[in-house]
Amino acid sequence: MSPADVILIAIAGLLCGMINTVAGGGSLILFPALIATGMPALAANVTNSVAGWPGYIGGVVGFRAELAGQRKRVRMLAVVTVAGAMTGSVLLLVTPASAFDLLVPGLVLFASVLVGLQPTLSRRLGPPTEGSPHARRVLLVSVFGATVYGGYFGGGLGIIVLAMLTLTVADRLANLTALKCAITLLSSTVTVVIFGLLGPVRWEAVVIAIPTTLIGGYLGAGIAREINERALRTFIVTFGIAVAIYLAAR
């Protein structure tokens, strides 16, 4: 690995941790950076999942005040999160790498477009009705589906989870962002264990990215309280679409 690759991964890891905490979608920064170092898509994906894990820890620590009163919600969602992440991770490892190569541009594009559509979807579907049995069922099913996707690919998982939370849980955005960080940390922990034992992880890249994603995740909690959300959303959508086009053309 060249010095330029080391610098690229370190910077991408910092941005990944920050963006994952603020809005989700940070994997759309680190994943293409790993691809740019010459990694195959499957190896880059599992390495991305493992390397991004400390950033979720930083986010949860940074949002510990907002999470203090949400233990009941976290417990309720923990089982479906673990089940979904395990399902997606196993699917990735048992399907051919060629299938993942074909799917990944579409997955990146899907995650990127969802970033842009999430505010519109929230407005059109109206305010959440937390507490009703229907709302709980929708929340549990949607988090399971999101974490299956997260176990398989992971790019944009935080965005998908936050979108589901804003549609089904009545609370401040800061609290929902904190809850999103807890869910994605749990999902990421499952993928780290499975990919660490069974996946083609490039550990040299993980060692480089771990400290920067951890720092970025912690810093992102403070940024999330102040940042212009529209500007960040526009950047992630534009960047993600460009990455999808690049991956499709490879």
C-alpha atoms as a PDB file:
ATOM      1  CA  MET A   1       0.000   0.000   0.000  1.00  0.00           C
ATOM      2  CA  SER A   2       1.487   3.335  -1.084  1.00  0.00           C
ATOM      3  CA  PRO A   3       1.736   6.456   1.129  1.00  0.00           C
ATOM      4  CA  ALA A   4      -0.940   8.076  -1.051  1.00  0.00           C
ATOM      5  CA  ASP A   5      -3.276   5.137  -0.353  1.00  0.00           C
ATOM      6  CA  VAL A   6      -2.650   5.479   3.386  1.00  0.00           C
ATOM      7  CA  ILE A   7      -3.502   9.197   3.329  1.00  0.00           C
ATOM      8  CA  LEU A   8      -6.598   8.600   1.186  1.00  0.00           C
ATOM      9  CA  ILE A   9      -7.957   5.912   3.520  1.00  0.00           C
ATOM     10  CA  ALA A  10      -7.232   7.976   6.639  1.00  0.00           C
ATOM     11  CA  ILE A  11      -9.031  11.064   5.302  1.00  0.00           C
ATOM     12  CA  ALA A  12     -11.923   8.998   3.940  1.00  0.00           C
ATOM     13  CA  GLY A  13     -12.243   7.277   7.324  1.00  0.00           C
ATOM     14  CA  LEU A  14     -12.465  10.616   9.141  1.00  0.00           C
ATOM     15  CA  LEU A  15     -15.166  11.859   6.762  1.00  0.00           C
ATOM     16  CA  CYS A  16     -16.968   8.520   6.924  1.00  0.00           C
ATOM     17  CA  GLY A  17     -17.205   8.645  10.714  1.00  0.00           C
ATOM     18  CA  MET A  18     -18.390  12.250  10.726  1.00  0.00           C
ATOM     19  CA  ILE A  19     -21.026  11.811   8.020  1.00  0.00           C
ATOM     20  CA  ASN A  20     -22.349   8.541   9.450  1.00  0.00           C
ATOM     21  CA  THR A  21     -23.031  10.268  12.752  1.00  0.00           C
ATOM     22  CA  VAL A  22     -24.499  13.437  11.243  1.00  0.00           C
ATOM     23  CA  ALA A  23     -26.806  11.961   8.615  1.00  0.00           C
ATOM     24  CA  GLY A  24     -25.663   8.525   7.458  1.00  0.00           C
ATOM     25  CA  GLY A  25     -24.069   7.717   4.138  1.00  0.00           C
ATOM     26  CA  GLY A  26     -20.454   7.931   5.250  1.00  0.00           C
ATOM     27  CA  SER A  27     -19.749   4.524   3.733  1.00  0.00           C
ATOM     28  CA  LEU A  28     -20.273   6.159   0.344  1.00  0.00           C
ATOM     29  CA  ILE A  29     -17.027   8.042   1.097  1.00  0.00           C
ATOM     30  CA  LEU A  30     -14.869   5.207   2.431  1.00  0.00           C
ATOM     31  CA  PHE A  31     -16.054   2.484   0.038  1.00  0.00           C
ATOM     32  CA  PRO A  32     -14.922   4.238  -3.181  1.00  0.00           C
ATOM     33  CA  ALA A  33     -11.682   5.285  -1.475  1.00  0.00           C
ATOM     34  CA  LEU A  34     -10.934   1.602  -0.861  1.00  0.00           C
ATOM     35  CA  ILE A  35     -11.884   0.801  -4.454  1.00  0.00           C
ATOM     36  CA  ALA A  36      -9.464   3.522  -5.582  1.00  0.00           C
ATOM     37  CA  THR A  37      -6.583   1.709  -3.854  1.00  0.00           C
ATOM     38  CA  GLY A  38      -7.175  -1.270  -6.138  1.00  0.00           C
ATOM     39  CA  MET A  39      -9.348  -3.482  -3.935  1.00  0.00           C
ATOM     40  CA  PRO A  40     -12.010  -5.672  -5.560  1.00  0.00           C
ATOM     41  CA  ALA A  41     -15.558  -4.523  -4.768  1.00  0.00           C
ATOM     42  CA  LEU A  42     -16.370  -7.398  -2.408  1.00  0.00           C
ATOM     43  CA  ALA A  43     -13.162  -6.965  -0.385  1.00  0.00           C
ATOM     44  CA  ALA A  44     -13.726  -3.198  -0.276  1.00  0.00           C
ATOM     45  CA  ASN A  45     -17.267  -3.720   0.990  1.00  0.00           C
ATOM     46  CA  VAL A  46     -16.391  -6.015   3.886  1.00  0.00           C
ATOM     47  CA  THR A  47     -13.328  -3.899   4.740  1.00  0.00           C
ATOM     48  CA  ASN A  48     -15.545  -0.813   4.678  1.00  0.00           C
ATOM     49  CA  SER A  49     -17.961  -2.468   7.134  1.00  0.00           C
ATOM     50  CA  VAL A  50     -15.204  -3.434   9.571  1.00  0.00           C
ATOM     51  CA  ALA A  51     -13.253  -0.173   9.302  1.00  0.00           C
ATOM     52  CA  GLY A  52     -16.349   1.988   9.807  1.00  0.00           C
ATOM     53  CA  TRP A  53     -17.332   0.288  13.064  1.00  0.00           C
ATOM     54  CA  PRO A  54     -15.365   2.559  15.453  1.00  0.00           C
ATOM     55  CA  GLY A  55     -17.109   5.589  13.946  1.00  0.00           C
ATOM     56  CA  TYR A  56     -20.438   4.273  15.197  1.00  0.00           C
ATOM     57  CA  ILE A  57     -18.956   3.939  18.690  1.00  0.00           C
ATOM     58  CA  GLY A  58     -17.839   7.570  18.527  1.00  0.00           C
ATOM     59  CA  GLY A  59     -21.328   8.622  17.452  1.00  0.00           C
ATOM     60  CA  VAL A  60     -23.022   6.752  20.304  1.00  0.00           C
ATOM     61  CA  VAL A  61     -20.600   8.236  22.847  1.00  0.00           C
ATOM     62  CA  GLY A  62     -21.175  11.704  21.405  1.00  0.00           C
ATOM     63  CA  PHE A  63     -24.961  11.252  21.639  1.00  0.00           C
ATOM     64  CA  ARG A  64     -24.981   9.598  25.080  1.00  0.00           C
ATOM     65  CA  ALA A  65     -27.166  12.383  26.546  1.00  0.00           C
ATOM     66  CA  GLU A  66     -29.805  11.940  23.824  1.00  0.00           C
ATOM     67  CA  LEU A  67     -29.748   8.139  24.259  1.00  0.00           C
ATOM     68  CA  ALA A  68     -30.134   8.212  28.034  1.00  0.00           C
ATOM     69  CA  GLY A  69     -33.939   8.138  27.894  1.00  0.00           C
ATOM     70  CA  GLN A  70     -34.280   5.738  24.962  1.00  0.00           C
ATOM     71  CA  ARG A  71     -33.185   2.416  26.465  1.00  0.00           C
ATOM     72  CA  LYS A  72     -36.667   0.918  25.950  1.00  0.00           C
ATOM     73  CA  ARG A  73     -36.580   1.766  22.245  1.00  0.00           C
ATOM     74  CA  VAL A  74     -33.073   0.361  21.839  1.00  0.00           C
ATOM     75  CA  ARG A  75     -34.060  -2.907  23.548  1.00  0.00           C
ATOM     76  CA  MET A  76     -37.181  -3.206  21.391  1.00  0.00           C
ATOM     77  CA  LEU A  77     -35.169  -2.820  18.164  1.00  0.00           C
ATOM     78  CA  ALA A  78     -32.089  -4.834  19.186  1.00  0.00           C
ATOM     79  CA  VAL A  79     -33.396  -8.289  18.226  1.00  0.00           C
ATOM     80  CA  VAL A  80     -34.587  -7.327  14.735  1.00  0.00           C
ATOM     81  CA  THR A  81     -31.372  -5.386  14.163  1.00  0.00           C
ATOM     82  CA  VAL A  82     -29.175  -8.384  14.989  1.00  0.00           C
ATOM     83  CA  ALA A  83     -31.375 -10.726  12.928  1.00  0.00           C
ATOM     84  CA  GLY A  84     -31.348  -8.399   9.926  1.00  0.00           C
ATOM     85  CA  ALA A  85     -27.599  -7.782  10.015  1.00  0.00           C
ATOM     86  CA  MET A  86     -26.864 -11.499  10.306  1.00  0.00           C
ATOM     87  CA  THR A  87     -29.162 -12.277   7.369  1.00  0.00           C
ATOM     88  CA  GLY A  88     -27.576  -9.660   5.120  1.00  0.00           C
ATOM     89  CA  SER A  89     -24.009 -10.595   6.040  1.00  0.00           C
ATOM     90  CA  VAL A  90     -24.579 -14.292   5.343  1.00  0.00           C
ATOM     91  CA  LEU A  91     -26.278 -13.472   2.039  1.00  0.00           C
ATOM     92  CA  LEU A  92     -23.217 -11.486   0.988  1.00  0.00           C
ATOM     93  CA  LEU A  93     -20.806 -14.290   1.819  1.00  0.00           C
ATOM     94  CA  VAL A  94     -22.810 -17.099   0.184  1.00  0.00           C
ATOM     95  CA  THR A  95     -23.650 -15.310  -3.081  1.00  0.00           C
ATOM     96  CA  PRO A  96     -21.028 -15.072  -5.871  1.00  0.00           C
ATOM     97  CA  ALA A  97     -18.744 -12.041  -5.883  1.00  0.00           C
ATOM     98  CA  SER A  98     -19.807 -11.435  -9.500  1.00  0.00           C
ATOM     99  CA  ALA A  99     -23.394 -10.925  -8.313  1.00  0.00           C
ATOM    100  CA  PHE A 100     -22.256  -8.299  -5.830  1.00  0.00           C
ATOM    101  CA  ASP A 101     -20.228  -6.535  -8.550  1.00  0.00           C
ATOM    102  CA  LEU A 102     -23.386  -6.298 -10.657  1.00  0.00           C
ATOM    103  CA  LEU A 103     -25.582  -5.104  -7.802  1.00  0.00           C
ATOM    104  CA  VAL A 104     -23.284  -2.590  -6.121  1.00  0.00           C
ATOM    105  CA  PRO A 105     -23.786   0.374  -8.537  1.00  0.00           C
ATOM    106  CA  GLY A 106     -27.540   0.033  -8.091  1.00  0.00           C
ATOM    107  CA  LEU A 107     -27.193  -0.222  -4.297  1.00  0.00           C
ATOM    108  CA  VAL A 108     -25.056   2.920  -4.183  1.00  0.00           C
ATOM    109  CA  LEU A 109     -27.531   4.747  -6.416  1.00  0.00           C
ATOM    110  CA  PHE A 110     -30.476   3.576  -4.271  1.00  0.00           C
ATOM    111  CA  ALA A 111     -28.819   4.790  -1.070  1.00  0.00           C
ATOM    112  CA  SER A 112     -27.897   8.122  -2.652  1.00  0.00           C
ATOM    113  CA  VAL A 113     -31.366   8.802  -4.054  1.00  0.00           C
ATOM    114  CA  LEU A 114     -32.946   7.918  -0.718  1.00  0.00           C
ATOM    115  CA  VAL A 115     -30.852  10.640   0.927  1.00  0.00           C
ATOM    116  CA  GLY A 116     -32.502  13.188  -1.329  1.00  0.00           C
ATOM    117  CA  LEU A 117     -36.024  11.778  -1.074  1.00  0.00           C
ATOM    118  CA  GLN A 118     -36.173  11.248   2.690  1.00  0.00           C
ATOM    119  CA  PRO A 119     -37.484  14.747   3.611  1.00  0.00           C
ATOM    120  CA  THR A 120     -40.142  14.567   0.877  1.00  0.00           C
ATOM    121  CA  LEU A 121     -41.244  11.096   1.992  1.00  0.00           C
ATOM    122  CA  SER A 122     -41.501  12.279   5.597  1.00  0.00           C
ATOM    123  CA  ARG A 123     -43.683  15.245   4.605  1.00  0.00           C
ATOM    124  CA  ARG A 124     -45.990  13.231   2.344  1.00  0.00           C
ATOM    125  CA  LEU A 125     -46.514  10.381   4.774  1.00  0.00           C
ATOM    126  CA  GLY A 126     -47.369  12.796   7.557  1.00  0.00           C
ATOM    127  CA  PRO A 127     -46.349  12.840  11.225  1.00  0.00           C
ATOM    128  CA  PRO A 128     -45.475   9.532  12.909  1.00  0.00           C
ATOM    129  CA  THR A 129     -48.000   7.835  15.198  1.00  0.00           C
ATOM    130  CA  GLU A 130     -45.685   6.171  17.689  1.00  0.00           C
ATOM    131  CA  GLY A 131     -47.333   3.926  20.249  1.00  0.00           C
ATOM    132  CA  SER A 132     -49.934   2.265  18.059  1.00  0.00           C
ATOM    133  CA  PRO A 133     -49.483  -1.475  17.355  1.00  0.00           C
ATOM    134  CA  HIS A 134     -49.407  -0.739  13.617  1.00  0.00           C
ATOM    135  CA  ALA A 135     -46.631   1.848  13.987  1.00  0.00           C
ATOM    136  CA  ARG A 136     -44.553  -0.582  16.078  1.00  0.00           C
ATOM    137  CA  ARG A 137     -44.986  -3.347  13.510  1.00  0.00           C
ATOM    138  CA  VAL A 138     -43.991  -1.004  10.694  1.00  0.00           C
ATOM    139  CA  LEU A 139     -40.950   0.147  12.685  1.00  0.00           C
ATOM    140  CA  LEU A 140     -39.791  -3.405  13.490  1.00  0.00           C
ATOM    141  CA  VAL A 141     -40.271  -4.675   9.925  1.00  0.00           C
ATOM    142  CA  SER A 142     -38.601  -1.637   8.369  1.00  0.00           C
ATOM    143  CA  VAL A 143     -35.573  -1.798  10.709  1.00  0.00           C
ATOM    144  CA  PHE A 144     -35.217  -5.513   9.946  1.00  0.00           C
ATOM    145  CA  GLY A 145     -35.305  -4.827   6.198  1.00  0.00           C
ATOM    146  CA  ALA A 146     -32.859  -1.923   6.539  1.00  0.00           C
ATOM    147  CA  THR A 147     -30.353  -3.992   8.506  1.00  0.00           C
ATOM    148  CA  VAL A 148     -30.571  -6.869   6.011  1.00  0.00           C
ATOM    149  CA  TYR A 149     -29.503  -4.302   3.425  1.00  0.00           C
ATOM    150  CA  GLY A 150     -26.868  -3.015   5.859  1.00  0.00           C
ATOM    151  CA  GLY A 151     -25.417  -6.476   6.385  1.00  0.00           C
ATOM    152  CA  TYR A 152     -25.231  -7.047   2.636  1.00  0.00           C
ATOM    153  CA  PHE A 153     -23.861  -3.666   1.552  1.00  0.00           C
ATOM    154  CA  GLY A 154     -24.067  -1.036   4.277  1.00  0.00           C
ATOM    155  CA  GLY A 155     -23.684   2.140   2.208  1.00  0.00           C
ATOM    156  CA  GLY A 156     -26.454   4.505   3.267  1.00  0.00           C
ATOM    157  CA  LEU A 157     -27.693   2.276   6.110  1.00  0.00           C
ATOM    158  CA  GLY A 158     -27.848   5.198   8.537  1.00  0.00           C
ATOM    159  CA  ILE A 159     -29.923   7.185   6.062  1.00  0.00           C
ATOM    160  CA  ILE A 160     -32.400   4.345   5.600  1.00  0.00           C
ATOM    161  CA  VAL A 161     -32.716   3.775   9.356  1.00  0.00           C
ATOM    162  CA  LEU A 162     -33.158   7.492  10.070  1.00  0.00           C
ATOM    163  CA  ALA A 163     -35.832   7.703   7.366  1.00  0.00           C
ATOM    164  CA  MET A 164     -37.736   4.814   8.972  1.00  0.00           C
ATOM    165  CA  LEU A 165     -37.444   6.401  12.414  1.00  0.00           C
ATOM    166  CA  THR A 166     -38.713   9.798  11.273  1.00  0.00           C
ATOM    167  CA  LEU A 167     -41.756   8.084   9.759  1.00  0.00           C
ATOM    168  CA  THR A 168     -42.640   5.934  12.778  1.00  0.00           C
ATOM    169  CA  VAL A 169     -41.231   7.547  15.955  1.00  0.00           C
ATOM    170  CA  ALA A 170     -42.463  10.874  17.313  1.00  0.00           C
ATOM    171  CA  ASP A 171     -39.421  12.661  18.743  1.00  0.00           C
ATOM    172  CA  ARG A 172     -36.851  15.384  18.106  1.00  0.00           C
ATOM    173  CA  LEU A 173     -34.484  14.852  15.185  1.00  0.00           C
ATOM    174  CA  ALA A 174     -31.477  14.880  17.537  1.00  0.00           C
ATOM    175  CA  ASN A 175     -32.957  12.003  19.554  1.00  0.00           C
ATOM    176  CA  LEU A 176     -33.811  10.046  16.398  1.00  0.00           C
ATOM    177  CA  THR A 177     -30.282  10.601  15.087  1.00  0.00           C
ATOM    178  CA  ALA A 178     -28.918   9.255  18.370  1.00  0.00           C
ATOM    179  CA  LEU A 179     -31.216   6.211  18.121  1.00  0.00           C
ATOM    180  CA  LYS A 180     -30.072   5.705  14.531  1.00  0.00           C
ATOM    181  CA  CYS A 181     -26.459   5.663  15.762  1.00  0.00           C
ATOM    182  CA  ALA A 182     -27.285   2.975  18.341  1.00  0.00           C
ATOM    183  CA  ILE A 183     -29.017   0.786  15.735  1.00  0.00           C
ATOM    184  CA  THR A 184     -26.220   1.152  13.192  1.00  0.00           C
ATOM    185  CA  LEU A 185     -23.594   0.411  15.859  1.00  0.00           C
ATOM    186  CA  LEU A 186     -25.361  -2.835  16.749  1.00  0.00           C
ATOM    187  CA  SER A 187     -25.791  -3.783  13.089  1.00  0.00           C
ATOM    188  CA  SER A 188     -22.167  -2.933  12.353  1.00  0.00           C
ATOM    189  CA  THR A 189     -20.987  -5.007  15.332  1.00  0.00           C
ATOM    190  CA  VAL A 190     -22.703  -8.074  13.882  1.00  0.00           C
ATOM    191  CA  THR A 191     -21.100  -7.537  10.467  1.00  0.00           C
ATOM    192  CA  VAL A 192     -17.670  -6.968  12.035  1.00  0.00           C
ATOM    193  CA  VAL A 193     -17.848 -10.334  13.802  1.00  0.00           C
ATOM    194  CA  ILE A 194     -19.086 -12.235  10.734  1.00  0.00           C
ATOM    195  CA  PHE A 195     -16.831 -10.539   8.183  1.00  0.00           C
ATOM    196  CA  GLY A 196     -13.862 -10.554  10.554  1.00  0.00           C
ATOM    197  CA  LEU A 197     -14.124 -14.333  10.859  1.00  0.00           C
ATOM    198  CA  LEU A 198     -15.280 -15.276   7.369  1.00  0.00           C
ATOM    199  CA  GLY A 199     -14.863 -12.354   4.942  1.00  0.00           C
ATOM    200  CA  PRO A 200     -11.942 -11.184   2.747  1.00  0.00           C
ATOM    201  CA  VAL A 201     -11.105  -8.225   5.001  1.00  0.00           C
ATOM    202  CA  ARG A 202      -8.005  -6.182   4.102  1.00  0.00           C
ATOM    203  CA  TRP A 203      -6.750  -5.640   7.633  1.00  0.00           C
ATOM    204  CA  GLU A 204      -4.005  -3.182   6.689  1.00  0.00           C
ATOM    205  CA  ALA A 205      -6.703  -0.742   5.526  1.00  0.00           C
ATOM    206  CA  VAL A 206      -8.754  -1.379   8.667  1.00  0.00           C
ATOM    207  CA  VAL A 207      -5.784  -0.476  10.889  1.00  0.00           C
ATOM    208  CA  ILE A 208      -5.380   2.828   9.025  1.00  0.00           C
ATOM    209  CA  ALA A 209      -9.075   3.753   9.110  1.00  0.00           C
ATOM    210  CA  ILE A 210     -10.010   2.725  12.667  1.00  0.00           C
ATOM    211  CA  PRO A 211      -8.590   5.751  14.542  1.00  0.00           C
ATOM    212  CA  THR A 212      -9.880   8.282  12.019  1.00  0.00           C
ATOM    213  CA  THR A 213     -13.408   6.839  11.846  1.00  0.00           C
ATOM    214  CA  LEU A 214     -13.549   6.827  15.653  1.00  0.00           C
ATOM    215  CA  ILE A 215     -12.503  10.486  15.838  1.00  0.00           C
ATOM    216  CA  GLY A 216     -14.829  11.420  12.991  1.00  0.00           C
ATOM    217  CA  GLY A 217     -17.798   9.691  14.649  1.00  0.00           C
ATOM    218  CA  TYR A 218     -17.276  11.555  17.902  1.00  0.00           C
ATOM    219  CA  LEU A 219     -16.821  14.913  16.174  1.00  0.00           C
ATOM    220  CA  GLY A 220     -19.902  14.270  14.057  1.00  0.00           C
ATOM    221  CA  ALA A 221     -22.201  14.315  17.096  1.00  0.00           C
ATOM    222  CA  GLY A 222     -21.269  17.944  17.763  1.00  0.00           C
ATOM    223  CA  ILE A 223     -21.499  18.854  14.090  1.00  0.00           C
ATOM    224  CA  ALA A 224     -24.960  17.269  13.825  1.00  0.00           C
ATOM    225  CA  ARG A 225     -26.339  19.876  16.207  1.00  0.00           C
ATOM    226  CA  GLU A 226     -25.105  22.785  14.077  1.00  0.00           C
ATOM    227  CA  ILE A 227     -24.667  21.765  10.422  1.00  0.00           C
ATOM    228  CA  ASN A 228     -26.774  22.888   7.477  1.00  0.00           C
ATOM    229  CA  GLU A 229     -28.575  19.606   6.781  1.00  0.00           C
ATOM    230  CA  ARG A 230     -29.576  20.569   3.237  1.00  0.00           C
ATOM    231  CA  ALA A 231     -25.977  21.273   2.199  1.00  0.00           C
ATOM    232  CA  LEU A 232     -24.764  17.957   3.625  1.00  0.00           C
ATOM    233  CA  ARG A 233     -27.630  16.073   1.980  1.00  0.00           C
ATOM    234  CA  THR A 234     -26.876  17.661  -1.398  1.00  0.00           C
ATOM    235  CA  PHE A 235     -23.204  16.723  -1.122  1.00  0.00           C
ATOM    236  CA  ILE A 236     -23.940  13.077  -0.248  1.00  0.00           C
ATOM    237  CA  VAL A 237     -26.492  12.687  -3.064  1.00  0.00           C
ATOM    238  CA  THR A 238     -24.196  14.228  -5.677  1.00  0.00           C
ATOM    239  CA  PHE A 239     -21.183  12.255  -4.556  1.00  0.00           C
ATOM    240  CA  GLY A 240     -23.112   8.996  -4.316  1.00  0.00           C
ATOM    241  CA  ILE A 241     -24.574   9.301  -7.808  1.00  0.00           C
ATOM    242  CA  ALA A 242     -21.105  10.027  -9.198  1.00  0.00           C
ATOM    243  CA  VAL A 243     -19.749   6.918  -7.429  1.00  0.00           C
ATOM    244  CA  ALA A 244     -22.611   4.777  -8.808  1.00  0.00           C
ATOM    245  CA  ILE A 245     -21.867   5.970 -12.353  1.00  0.00           C
ATOM    246  CA  TYR A 246     -18.147   5.276 -11.890  1.00  0.00           C
ATOM    247  CA  LEU A 247     -18.770   1.764 -10.536  1.00  0.00           C
ATOM    248  CA  ALA A 248     -21.202   0.950 -13.352  1.00  0.00           C
ATOM    249  CA  ALA A 249     -18.633   2.043 -15.942  1.00  0.00           C
ATOM    250  CA  ARG A 250     -15.745  -0.022 -14.477  1.00  0.00           C
END
